[in-house]
Amino acid sequence: MPKIPILLDGDPGHDDAIAWMLAAASPELEILCVTSVGGNQSIDKTTYNALRIMALLGIQAPMGRGGPRPLLSPAMTAPSVHGESGLDGPALPEPLQEPEALSAPALMARVIAQAREPVTLVPTGPLTNVAALLLAHPELKGRIKGISLMGGGIAHGNWTPAAEFNILADPEAADIVFRSGIPITMAGLDVTEQALLFPADFERIRAVGGPVAQVVADWLEFFYQFHRSMGYPGAPIHDAVAVAWLTHPELFSGRDMYVSVETAGRYCRGSTIGDPRGRLGMPANAHVLLGVDREGFARLLTQAVGCWKEG
């Protein structure tokens, strides 16, 4: 089977890093480029982290640095979740390459235009780069097969009662993406908070052996510390859902619906409003994931780390 060409865009971040591990391990996927965006930490830190993850995993693809801030709103970060470095925990190798001279959206545009077939975007952070790409290059929409994103939540938020972090960090960008007409699969909190890995899963991953399994287990341990303090029984690996959907859709359930992004409001800015009953009379613009086979998801990640067992 031909591989699915993808672009990875994120703000790594422990769950972004694990998502990129899964993408690099998946024989169904071909990573055409990697881009960084500000979110979990500043753009300087997320770019550095992206390059270190690429070095760890052996991802050989051009890398583009995003801009320093969201489209309109001030930058926000999440050091309480991912640490001051944005990827606290185990030591990682130093970068083996520099970012391209092109900005992240410009690199995305070049890669999309030159790809042999339409590509799938996999953004796991704020949607700043994707929105900037669509604004600058509307002619490339037909070259984008779809967008599998982690962000939002129909039932609730996590950074505010109504808003999930990635969408809240740049609601205007998210609004542009959801109104783009490009097919979207939304891995929001409705499904990602079910995609838990428990301490027993961490140990199964560590037991696989090899450098990547060790690092991933340590990432999980660090990531779990924050979530345990919030009452979670495990670590929700939010971003890996957006990758797993592409290779193993049978692990998930969901439904098509119209989703809009609230860009104003004192309490609801950054919320993703779903219309599952079609009350607005608008055609569906997203396939919203709502359920996951948690054990199958955990097995998938455990199998993935084995790709580097001999490394």
C-alpha atoms as a PDB file:
ATOM      1  CA  MET A   1       0.000   0.000   0.000  1.00  0.00           C
ATOM      2  CA  PRO A   2       1.285   3.517  -0.773  1.00  0.00           C
ATOM      3  CA  LYS A   3       2.193   5.570   2.251  1.00  0.00           C
ATOM      4  CA  ILE A   4       0.074   8.499   3.428  1.00  0.00           C
ATOM      5  CA  PRO A   5       2.155  11.678   3.076  1.00  0.00           C
ATOM      6  CA  ILE A   6       1.832  13.827   6.200  1.00  0.00           C
ATOM      7  CA  LEU A   7       3.096  17.103   7.647  1.00  0.00           C
ATOM      8  CA  LEU A   8       3.666  17.155  11.412  1.00  0.00           C
ATOM      9  CA  ASP A   9       3.016  20.497  13.100  1.00  0.00           C
ATOM     10  CA  GLY A  10       3.176  20.893  16.862  1.00  0.00           C
ATOM     11  CA  ASP A  11       4.431  22.484  20.053  1.00  0.00           C
ATOM     12  CA  PRO A  12       6.211  19.516  21.684  1.00  0.00           C
ATOM     13  CA  GLY A  13       5.236  18.783  24.510  1.00  0.00           C
ATOM     14  CA  HIS A  14       5.234  15.232  25.846  1.00  0.00           C
ATOM     15  CA  ASP A  15       2.120  14.083  24.033  1.00  0.00           C
ATOM     16  CA  ASP A  16       3.244  15.727  20.766  1.00  0.00           C
ATOM     17  CA  ALA A  17       6.556  13.896  21.112  1.00  0.00           C
ATOM     18  CA  ILE A  18       4.786  10.560  21.600  1.00  0.00           C
ATOM     19  CA  ALA A  19       2.518  11.335  18.634  1.00  0.00           C
ATOM     20  CA  TRP A  20       5.580  11.983  16.467  1.00  0.00           C
ATOM     21  CA  MET A  21       7.122   8.732  17.714  1.00  0.00           C
ATOM     22  CA  LEU A  22       4.007   6.893  16.563  1.00  0.00           C
ATOM     23  CA  ALA A  23       4.125   8.644  13.184  1.00  0.00           C
ATOM     24  CA  ALA A  24       7.802   7.795  12.697  1.00  0.00           C
ATOM     25  CA  ALA A  25       7.137   4.157  13.598  1.00  0.00           C
ATOM     26  CA  SER A  26       4.104   3.754  11.338  1.00  0.00           C
ATOM     27  CA  PRO A  27       4.895   2.111   7.986  1.00  0.00           C
ATOM     28  CA  GLU A  28       1.639   3.563   6.644  1.00  0.00           C
ATOM     29  CA  LEU A  29       2.913   7.147   6.973  1.00  0.00           C
ATOM     30  CA  GLU A  30       5.566   9.257   5.232  1.00  0.00           C
ATOM     31  CA  ILE A  31       6.683  12.372   7.113  1.00  0.00           C
ATOM     32  CA  LEU A  32       7.359  15.085   4.516  1.00  0.00           C
ATOM     33  CA  CYS A  33       8.227  17.876   6.950  1.00  0.00           C
ATOM     34  CA  VAL A  34       8.007  18.940  10.579  1.00  0.00           C
ATOM     35  CA  THR A  35       7.061  22.419  11.802  1.00  0.00           C
ATOM     36  CA  SER A  36       7.025  24.036  15.229  1.00  0.00           C
ATOM     37  CA  VAL A  37       4.448  26.368  16.713  1.00  0.00           C
ATOM     38  CA  GLY A  38       4.349  28.279  19.984  1.00  0.00           C
ATOM     39  CA  GLY A  39       2.000  26.831  22.581  1.00  0.00           C
ATOM     40  CA  ASN A  40       3.187  24.493  25.314  1.00  0.00           C
ATOM     41  CA  GLN A  41       6.231  26.772  25.481  1.00  0.00           C
ATOM     42  CA  SER A  42       7.750  29.657  23.530  1.00  0.00           C
ATOM     43  CA  ILE A  43       8.613  29.161  19.874  1.00  0.00           C
ATOM     44  CA  ASP A  44      12.331  29.042  20.729  1.00  0.00           C
ATOM     45  CA  LYS A  45      11.760  26.143  23.112  1.00  0.00           C
ATOM     46  CA  THR A  46       9.283  24.223  20.963  1.00  0.00           C
ATOM     47  CA  THR A  47      11.583  24.519  17.946  1.00  0.00           C
ATOM     48  CA  TYR A  48      14.531  23.205  19.953  1.00  0.00           C
ATOM     49  CA  ASN A  49      12.387  20.390  21.317  1.00  0.00           C
ATOM     50  CA  ALA A  50      11.140  19.485  17.849  1.00  0.00           C
ATOM     51  CA  LEU A  51      14.705  19.205  16.557  1.00  0.00           C
ATOM     52  CA  ARG A  52      15.751  17.059  19.532  1.00  0.00           C
ATOM     53  CA  ILE A  53      12.797  14.721  19.020  1.00  0.00           C
ATOM     54  CA  MET A  54      13.693  14.404  15.338  1.00  0.00           C
ATOM     55  CA  ALA A  55      17.264  13.510  16.328  1.00  0.00           C
ATOM     56  CA  LEU A  56      16.059  10.887  18.813  1.00  0.00           C
ATOM     57  CA  LEU A  57      13.674   9.263  16.346  1.00  0.00           C
ATOM     58  CA  GLY A  58      15.823   9.591  13.241  1.00  0.00           C
ATOM     59  CA  ILE A  59      13.211  11.671  11.410  1.00  0.00           C
ATOM     60  CA  GLN A  60      14.923  12.913   8.256  1.00  0.00           C
ATOM     61  CA  ALA A  61      12.756  15.701   6.882  1.00  0.00           C
ATOM     62  CA  PRO A  62      12.978  19.473   6.510  1.00  0.00           C
ATOM     63  CA  MET A  63      11.991  21.372   9.648  1.00  0.00           C
ATOM     64  CA  GLY A  64      10.359  24.816   9.758  1.00  0.00           C
ATOM     65  CA  ARG A  65      10.134  27.270  12.655  1.00  0.00           C
ATOM     66  CA  GLY A  66       6.805  28.952  13.318  1.00  0.00           C
ATOM     67  CA  GLY A  67       6.246  32.591  14.221  1.00  0.00           C
ATOM     68  CA  PRO A  68       6.657  33.982  17.730  1.00  0.00           C
ATOM     69  CA  ARG A  69       2.971  34.492  18.538  1.00  0.00           C
ATOM     70  CA  PRO A  70      -0.606  33.655  17.562  1.00  0.00           C
ATOM     71  CA  LEU A  71      -2.348  35.503  14.740  1.00  0.00           C
ATOM     72  CA  LEU A  72      -3.970  38.150  16.948  1.00  0.00           C
ATOM     73  CA  SER A  73      -3.833  37.225  20.627  1.00  0.00           C
ATOM     74  CA  PRO A  74      -0.901  37.323  23.057  1.00  0.00           C
ATOM     75  CA  ALA A  75       1.170  34.163  23.373  1.00  0.00           C
ATOM     76  CA  MET A  76       0.280  31.740  26.168  1.00  0.00           C
ATOM     77  CA  THR A  77       2.255  28.740  27.424  1.00  0.00           C
ATOM     78  CA  ALA A  78       1.717  25.718  29.687  1.00  0.00           C
ATOM     79  CA  PRO A  79       4.825  25.254  31.871  1.00  0.00           C
ATOM     80  CA  SER A  80       2.727  23.689  34.636  1.00  0.00           C
ATOM     81  CA  VAL A  81       2.024  20.737  32.322  1.00  0.00           C
ATOM     82  CA  HIS A  82       5.237  20.231  30.349  1.00  0.00           C
ATOM     83  CA  GLY A  83       7.845  22.013  32.499  1.00  0.00           C
ATOM     84  CA  GLU A  84       9.971  25.075  31.902  1.00  0.00           C
ATOM     85  CA  SER A  85      11.745  23.507  28.941  1.00  0.00           C
ATOM     86  CA  GLY A  86       8.433  22.474  27.392  1.00  0.00           C
ATOM     87  CA  LEU A  87       9.682  18.876  27.437  1.00  0.00           C
ATOM     88  CA  ASP A  88      11.053  18.230  30.918  1.00  0.00           C
ATOM     89  CA  GLY A  89      12.186  14.749  31.871  1.00  0.00           C
ATOM     90  CA  PRO A  90      14.801  12.518  30.226  1.00  0.00           C
ATOM     91  CA  ALA A  91      17.882  13.849  28.463  1.00  0.00           C
ATOM     92  CA  LEU A  92      17.594  14.003  24.682  1.00  0.00           C
ATOM     93  CA  PRO A  93      20.195  14.208  21.909  1.00  0.00           C
ATOM     94  CA  GLU A  94      21.129  17.588  20.562  1.00  0.00           C
ATOM     95  CA  PRO A  95      19.686  18.619  17.179  1.00  0.00           C
ATOM     96  CA  LEU A  96      21.272  17.190  14.050  1.00  0.00           C
ATOM     97  CA  GLN A  97      19.963  19.930  11.763  1.00  0.00           C
ATOM     98  CA  GLU A  98      18.910  23.551  11.664  1.00  0.00           C
ATOM     99  CA  PRO A  99      15.468  24.855  10.754  1.00  0.00           C
ATOM    100  CA  GLU A 100      14.990  25.780   7.117  1.00  0.00           C
ATOM    101  CA  ALA A 101      15.391  29.440   6.155  1.00  0.00           C
ATOM    102  CA  LEU A 102      11.706  29.437   5.174  1.00  0.00           C
ATOM    103  CA  SER A 103       9.064  30.075   7.825  1.00  0.00           C
ATOM    104  CA  ALA A 104       6.900  27.144   8.873  1.00  0.00           C
ATOM    105  CA  PRO A 105       3.923  28.168   6.673  1.00  0.00           C
ATOM    106  CA  ALA A 106       6.217  28.809   3.704  1.00  0.00           C
ATOM    107  CA  LEU A 107       7.896  25.415   4.134  1.00  0.00           C
ATOM    108  CA  MET A 108       4.489  23.753   4.376  1.00  0.00           C
ATOM    109  CA  ALA A 109       3.459  25.459   1.145  1.00  0.00           C
ATOM    110  CA  ARG A 110       6.597  24.313  -0.680  1.00  0.00           C
ATOM    111  CA  VAL A 111       6.220  20.732   0.493  1.00  0.00           C
ATOM    112  CA  ILE A 112       2.508  20.596  -0.354  1.00  0.00           C
ATOM    113  CA  ALA A 113       3.080  22.063  -3.815  1.00  0.00           C
ATOM    114  CA  GLN A 114       5.875  19.584  -4.578  1.00  0.00           C
ATOM    115  CA  ALA A 115       4.250  16.467  -3.105  1.00  0.00           C
ATOM    116  CA  ARG A 116       3.368  13.665  -5.490  1.00  0.00           C
ATOM    117  CA  GLU A 117      -0.205  13.576  -4.152  1.00  0.00           C
ATOM    118  CA  PRO A 118      -2.414  15.548  -1.747  1.00  0.00           C
ATOM    119  CA  VAL A 119      -1.057  15.547   1.793  1.00  0.00           C
ATOM    120  CA  THR A 120      -2.595  15.254   5.242  1.00  0.00           C
ATOM    121  CA  LEU A 121      -1.775  17.851   7.883  1.00  0.00           C
ATOM    122  CA  VAL A 122      -1.410  16.618  11.467  1.00  0.00           C
ATOM    123  CA  PRO A 123      -1.376  19.662  13.765  1.00  0.00           C
ATOM    124  CA  THR A 124      -1.145  18.871  17.476  1.00  0.00           C
ATOM    125  CA  GLY A 125      -0.699  22.396  18.818  1.00  0.00           C
ATOM    126  CA  PRO A 126      -2.328  25.774  18.204  1.00  0.00           C
ATOM    127  CA  LEU A 127      -3.416  26.120  14.579  1.00  0.00           C
ATOM    128  CA  THR A 128      -1.402  29.279  13.853  1.00  0.00           C
ATOM    129  CA  ASN A 129       0.803  27.773  11.132  1.00  0.00           C
ATOM    130  CA  VAL A 130      -2.053  26.017   9.370  1.00  0.00           C
ATOM    131  CA  ALA A 131      -4.172  29.173   9.314  1.00  0.00           C
ATOM    132  CA  ALA A 132      -1.245  31.237   8.045  1.00  0.00           C
ATOM    133  CA  LEU A 133      -0.684  28.669   5.282  1.00  0.00           C
ATOM    134  CA  LEU A 134      -4.341  28.816   4.210  1.00  0.00           C
ATOM    135  CA  LEU A 135      -4.403  32.619   4.255  1.00  0.00           C
ATOM    136  CA  ALA A 136      -1.225  32.949   2.212  1.00  0.00           C
ATOM    137  CA  HIS A 137      -1.837  30.061  -0.201  1.00  0.00           C
ATOM    138  CA  PRO A 138      -5.542  29.453  -0.794  1.00  0.00           C
ATOM    139  CA  GLU A 139      -4.600  27.886  -4.124  1.00  0.00           C
ATOM    140  CA  LEU A 140      -3.115  24.921  -2.255  1.00  0.00           C
ATOM    141  CA  LYS A 141      -6.337  23.835  -0.540  1.00  0.00           C
ATOM    142  CA  GLY A 142      -6.955  21.247  -3.223  1.00  0.00           C
ATOM    143  CA  ARG A 143      -3.542  19.741  -2.466  1.00  0.00           C
ATOM    144  CA  ILE A 144      -4.528  19.083   1.157  1.00  0.00           C
ATOM    145  CA  LYS A 145      -6.327  15.773   1.525  1.00  0.00           C
ATOM    146  CA  GLY A 146      -7.397  16.443   5.092  1.00  0.00           C
ATOM    147  CA  ILE A 147      -6.450  17.732   8.521  1.00  0.00           C
ATOM    148  CA  SER A 148      -6.244  15.355  11.488  1.00  0.00           C
ATOM    149  CA  LEU A 149      -5.926  17.671  14.458  1.00  0.00           C
ATOM    150  CA  MET A 150      -5.830  17.475  18.208  1.00  0.00           C
ATOM    151  CA  GLY A 151      -7.800  20.300  19.704  1.00  0.00           C
ATOM    152  CA  GLY A 152     -11.069  21.405  21.160  1.00  0.00           C
ATOM    153  CA  GLY A 153     -13.791  19.514  22.921  1.00  0.00           C
ATOM    154  CA  ILE A 154     -17.528  19.332  22.375  1.00  0.00           C
ATOM    155  CA  ALA A 155     -18.514  18.546  25.964  1.00  0.00           C
ATOM    156  CA  HIS A 156     -16.013  20.673  27.896  1.00  0.00           C
ATOM    157  CA  GLY A 157     -12.623  22.376  27.942  1.00  0.00           C
ATOM    158  CA  ASN A 158      -9.487  21.884  29.995  1.00  0.00           C
ATOM    159  CA  TRP A 159      -7.774  25.289  30.173  1.00  0.00           C
ATOM    160  CA  THR A 160     -11.088  26.996  30.898  1.00  0.00           C
ATOM    161  CA  PRO A 161     -14.440  25.299  31.537  1.00  0.00           C
ATOM    162  CA  ALA A 162     -15.333  25.814  27.873  1.00  0.00           C
ATOM    163  CA  ALA A 163     -12.014  25.829  25.987  1.00  0.00           C
ATOM    164  CA  GLU A 164      -9.230  23.357  25.296  1.00  0.00           C
ATOM    165  CA  PHE A 165      -5.680  24.756  25.338  1.00  0.00           C
ATOM    166  CA  ASN A 166      -4.711  24.399  21.667  1.00  0.00           C
ATOM    167  CA  ILE A 167      -7.818  26.203  20.437  1.00  0.00           C
ATOM    168  CA  LEU A 168      -7.760  28.826  23.192  1.00  0.00           C
ATOM    169  CA  ALA A 169      -4.132  29.664  22.365  1.00  0.00           C
ATOM    170  CA  ASP A 170      -5.181  30.914  18.909  1.00  0.00           C
ATOM    171  CA  PRO A 171      -8.971  30.927  18.403  1.00  0.00           C
ATOM    172  CA  GLU A 172      -8.792  33.075  15.295  1.00  0.00           C
ATOM    173  CA  ALA A 173      -6.483  30.561  13.621  1.00  0.00           C
ATOM    174  CA  ALA A 174      -8.781  27.693  14.607  1.00  0.00           C
ATOM    175  CA  ASP A 175     -11.777  29.552  13.186  1.00  0.00           C
ATOM    176  CA  ILE A 176     -10.006  29.929   9.841  1.00  0.00           C
ATOM    177  CA  VAL A 177      -9.148  26.221   9.764  1.00  0.00           C
ATOM    178  CA  PHE A 178     -12.634  24.995  10.660  1.00  0.00           C
ATOM    179  CA  ARG A 179     -14.169  27.291   8.028  1.00  0.00           C
ATOM    180  CA  SER A 180     -11.655  26.269   5.340  1.00  0.00           C
ATOM    181  CA  GLY A 181     -13.752  23.552   3.718  1.00  0.00           C
ATOM    182  CA  ILE A 182     -10.890  21.051   4.037  1.00  0.00           C
ATOM    183  CA  PRO A 183     -11.974  17.702   5.529  1.00  0.00           C
ATOM    184  CA  ILE A 184     -11.185  17.746   9.256  1.00  0.00           C
ATOM    185  CA  THR A 185     -10.951  14.970  11.800  1.00  0.00           C
ATOM    186  CA  MET A 186     -11.134  16.480  15.280  1.00  0.00           C
ATOM    187  CA  ALA A 187      -9.479  14.582  18.110  1.00  0.00           C
ATOM    188  CA  GLY A 188     -10.769  16.686  20.973  1.00  0.00           C
ATOM    189  CA  LEU A 189     -10.979  16.127  24.698  1.00  0.00           C
ATOM    190  CA  ASP A 190     -14.103  14.004  24.227  1.00  0.00           C
ATOM    191  CA  VAL A 191     -11.875  11.192  22.945  1.00  0.00           C
ATOM    192  CA  THR A 192      -8.359  12.126  24.068  1.00  0.00           C
ATOM    193  CA  GLU A 193      -9.223  12.100  27.762  1.00  0.00           C
ATOM    194  CA  GLN A 194     -10.234   8.465  27.232  1.00  0.00           C
ATOM    195  CA  ALA A 195      -6.883   7.720  25.542  1.00  0.00           C
ATOM    196  CA  LEU A 196      -5.169   7.086  28.857  1.00  0.00           C
ATOM    197  CA  LEU A 197      -1.976   5.210  29.521  1.00  0.00           C
ATOM    198  CA  PHE A 198      -1.697   3.843  33.048  1.00  0.00           C
ATOM    199  CA  PRO A 199       1.471   3.202  35.078  1.00  0.00           C
ATOM    200  CA  ALA A 200       1.299  -0.476  34.102  1.00  0.00           C
ATOM    201  CA  ASP A 201       1.399   0.626  30.444  1.00  0.00           C
ATOM    202  CA  PHE A 202       4.483   2.746  31.163  1.00  0.00           C
ATOM    203  CA  GLU A 203       6.282  -0.339  32.447  1.00  0.00           C
ATOM    204  CA  ARG A 204       5.225  -2.448  29.463  1.00  0.00           C
ATOM    205  CA  ILE A 205       6.701   0.230  27.202  1.00  0.00           C
ATOM    206  CA  ARG A 206       9.915   0.363  29.234  1.00  0.00           C
ATOM    207  CA  ALA A 207      10.187  -3.421  29.095  1.00  0.00           C
ATOM    208  CA  VAL A 208      10.272  -3.350  25.274  1.00  0.00           C
ATOM    209  CA  GLY A 209      13.848  -2.123  25.589  1.00  0.00           C
ATOM    210  CA  GLY A 210      15.885   0.235  23.459  1.00  0.00           C
ATOM    211  CA  PRO A 211      16.590   3.952  23.744  1.00  0.00           C
ATOM    212  CA  VAL A 212      13.229   5.226  22.519  1.00  0.00           C
ATOM    213  CA  ALA A 213      11.199   2.937  24.781  1.00  0.00           C
ATOM    214  CA  GLN A 214      13.156   4.233  27.771  1.00  0.00           C
ATOM    215  CA  VAL A 215      12.636   7.865  26.832  1.00  0.00           C
ATOM    216  CA  VAL A 216       8.931   7.404  26.095  1.00  0.00           C
ATOM    217  CA  ALA A 217       8.400   5.668  29.441  1.00  0.00           C
ATOM    218  CA  ASP A 218      10.175   8.550  31.189  1.00  0.00           C
ATOM    219  CA  TRP A 219       8.064  11.083  29.279  1.00  0.00           C
ATOM    220  CA  LEU A 220       4.947   9.245  30.409  1.00  0.00           C
ATOM    221  CA  GLU A 221       6.107   9.255  34.017  1.00  0.00           C
ATOM    222  CA  PHE A 222       6.697  13.016  33.911  1.00  0.00           C
ATOM    223  CA  PHE A 223       3.454  13.776  32.087  1.00  0.00           C
ATOM    224  CA  TYR A 224       1.500  11.644  34.553  1.00  0.00           C
ATOM    225  CA  GLN A 225       2.717  13.628  37.551  1.00  0.00           C
ATOM    226  CA  PHE A 226       0.719  16.679  36.472  1.00  0.00           C
ATOM    227  CA  HIS A 227      -2.362  14.681  35.549  1.00  0.00           C
ATOM    228  CA  ARG A 228      -2.290  12.656  38.763  1.00  0.00           C
ATOM    229  CA  SER A 229      -2.370  15.939  40.690  1.00  0.00           C
ATOM    230  CA  MET A 230      -5.521  16.783  38.721  1.00  0.00           C
ATOM    231  CA  GLY A 231      -7.188  13.482  39.606  1.00  0.00           C
ATOM    232  CA  TYR A 232      -6.536  11.533  36.399  1.00  0.00           C
ATOM    233  CA  PRO A 233      -5.900   7.776  36.803  1.00  0.00           C
ATOM    234  CA  GLY A 234      -3.404   7.869  33.937  1.00  0.00           C
ATOM    235  CA  ALA A 235      -1.745  10.126  31.382  1.00  0.00           C
ATOM    236  CA  PRO A 236      -4.008  11.183  28.484  1.00  0.00           C
ATOM    237  CA  ILE A 237      -1.894  10.987  25.330  1.00  0.00           C
ATOM    238  CA  HIS A 238      -4.006  13.564  23.517  1.00  0.00           C
ATOM    239  CA  ASP A 239      -1.887  14.229  20.450  1.00  0.00           C
ATOM    240  CA  ALA A 240      -1.169  10.615  19.553  1.00  0.00           C
ATOM    241  CA  VAL A 241      -4.885  10.168  18.816  1.00  0.00           C
ATOM    242  CA  ALA A 242      -4.571  12.446  15.766  1.00  0.00           C
ATOM    243  CA  VAL A 243      -1.882  10.117  14.371  1.00  0.00           C
ATOM    244  CA  ALA A 244      -3.470   6.828  15.436  1.00  0.00           C
ATOM    245  CA  TRP A 245      -6.693   7.759  13.635  1.00  0.00           C
ATOM    246  CA  LEU A 246      -4.821   7.829  10.318  1.00  0.00           C
ATOM    247  CA  THR A 247      -3.375   4.339  10.668  1.00  0.00           C
ATOM    248  CA  HIS A 248      -5.918   2.532  12.868  1.00  0.00           C
ATOM    249  CA  PRO A 249      -9.340   4.189  12.463  1.00  0.00           C
ATOM    250  CA  GLU A 250     -10.976   0.987  13.720  1.00  0.00           C
ATOM    251  CA  LEU A 251      -9.861   1.951  17.239  1.00  0.00           C
ATOM    252  CA  PHE A 252     -12.176   4.971  17.238  1.00  0.00           C
ATOM    253  CA  SER A 253     -15.810   5.946  17.018  1.00  0.00           C
ATOM    254  CA  GLY A 254     -17.182   9.355  16.119  1.00  0.00           C
ATOM    255  CA  ARG A 255     -19.704  11.289  14.119  1.00  0.00           C
ATOM    256  CA  ASP A 256     -19.818  14.034  11.536  1.00  0.00           C
ATOM    257  CA  MET A 257     -21.064  17.418  12.685  1.00  0.00           C
ATOM    258  CA  TYR A 258     -20.741  21.120  12.172  1.00  0.00           C
ATOM    259  CA  VAL A 259     -18.184  22.658  14.558  1.00  0.00           C
ATOM    260  CA  SER A 260     -17.703  26.379  15.054  1.00  0.00           C
ATOM    261  CA  VAL A 261     -15.037  28.188  17.078  1.00  0.00           C
ATOM    262  CA  GLU A 262     -15.957  30.967  19.502  1.00  0.00           C
ATOM    263  CA  THR A 263     -13.512  33.859  19.102  1.00  0.00           C
ATOM    264  CA  ALA A 264     -15.153  36.244  21.563  1.00  0.00           C
ATOM    265  CA  GLY A 265     -16.961  36.057  24.867  1.00  0.00           C
ATOM    266  CA  ARG A 266     -15.851  36.441  28.446  1.00  0.00           C
ATOM    267  CA  TYR A 267     -16.269  32.788  29.360  1.00  0.00           C
ATOM    268  CA  CYS A 268     -16.388  30.895  26.066  1.00  0.00           C
ATOM    269  CA  ARG A 269     -13.536  32.282  23.953  1.00  0.00           C
ATOM    270  CA  GLY A 270     -11.717  29.377  22.327  1.00  0.00           C
ATOM    271  CA  SER A 271     -14.529  26.882  22.728  1.00  0.00           C
ATOM    272  CA  THR A 272     -15.491  24.499  19.934  1.00  0.00           C
ATOM    273  CA  ILE A 273     -19.257  24.386  19.598  1.00  0.00           C
ATOM    274  CA  GLY A 274     -20.590  21.206  18.026  1.00  0.00           C
ATOM    275  CA  ASP A 275     -24.005  20.872  16.431  1.00  0.00           C
ATOM    276  CA  PRO A 276     -24.639  17.101  16.449  1.00  0.00           C
ATOM    277  CA  ARG A 277     -28.389  17.514  15.917  1.00  0.00           C
ATOM    278  CA  GLY A 278     -28.049  19.878  12.964  1.00  0.00           C
ATOM    279  CA  ARG A 279     -29.975  22.687  14.635  1.00  0.00           C
ATOM    280  CA  LEU A 280     -28.008  25.335  12.747  1.00  0.00           C
ATOM    281  CA  GLY A 281     -28.767  23.823   9.359  1.00  0.00           C
ATOM    282  CA  MET A 282     -25.068  23.863   8.425  1.00  0.00           C
ATOM    283  CA  PRO A 283     -23.335  20.962   6.667  1.00  0.00           C
ATOM    284  CA  ALA A 284     -20.857  18.999   8.757  1.00  0.00           C
ATOM    285  CA  ASN A 285     -17.306  20.343   8.561  1.00  0.00           C
ATOM    286  CA  ALA A 286     -15.608  17.834  10.882  1.00  0.00           C
ATOM    287  CA  HIS A 287     -15.590  14.192  11.836  1.00  0.00           C
ATOM    288  CA  VAL A 288     -15.486  14.400  15.626  1.00  0.00           C
ATOM    289  CA  LEU A 289     -13.910  11.454  17.436  1.00  0.00           C
ATOM    290  CA  LEU A 290     -15.869  10.499  20.537  1.00  0.00           C
ATOM    291  CA  GLY A 291     -14.671   7.055  21.644  1.00  0.00           C
ATOM    292  CA  VAL A 292     -11.505   4.953  21.670  1.00  0.00           C
ATOM    293  CA  ASP A 293     -10.494   1.367  22.344  1.00  0.00           C
ATOM    294  CA  ARG A 294      -8.119   2.309  25.147  1.00  0.00           C
ATOM    295  CA  GLU A 295      -6.390  -1.045  25.356  1.00  0.00           C
ATOM    296  CA  GLY A 296      -5.886  -1.163  21.592  1.00  0.00           C
ATOM    297  CA  PHE A 297      -4.462   2.365  21.679  1.00  0.00           C
ATOM    298  CA  ALA A 298      -2.038   1.410  24.459  1.00  0.00           C
ATOM    299  CA  ARG A 299      -0.932  -1.688  22.522  1.00  0.00           C
ATOM    300  CA  LEU A 300      -0.333   0.422  19.433  1.00  0.00           C
ATOM    301  CA  LEU A 301       2.025   2.772  21.298  1.00  0.00           C
ATOM    302  CA  THR A 302       3.792  -0.133  22.982  1.00  0.00           C
ATOM    303  CA  GLN A 303       4.400  -1.847  19.644  1.00  0.00           C
ATOM    304  CA  ALA A 304       5.598   1.423  18.093  1.00  0.00           C
ATOM    305  CA  VAL A 305       8.514   1.938  20.491  1.00  0.00           C
ATOM    306  CA  GLY A 306       9.882  -1.448  19.413  1.00  0.00           C
ATOM    307  CA  CYS A 307      10.958   0.051  16.071  1.00  0.00           C
ATOM    308  CA  TRP A 308      14.078   1.386  17.791  1.00  0.00           C
ATOM    309  CA  LYS A 309      14.764  -1.628  20.010  1.00  0.00           C
ATOM    310  CA  GLU A 310      18.088  -2.382  18.330  1.00  0.00           C
ATOM    311  CA  GLY A 311      19.082   1.283  18.059  1.00  0.00           C
END
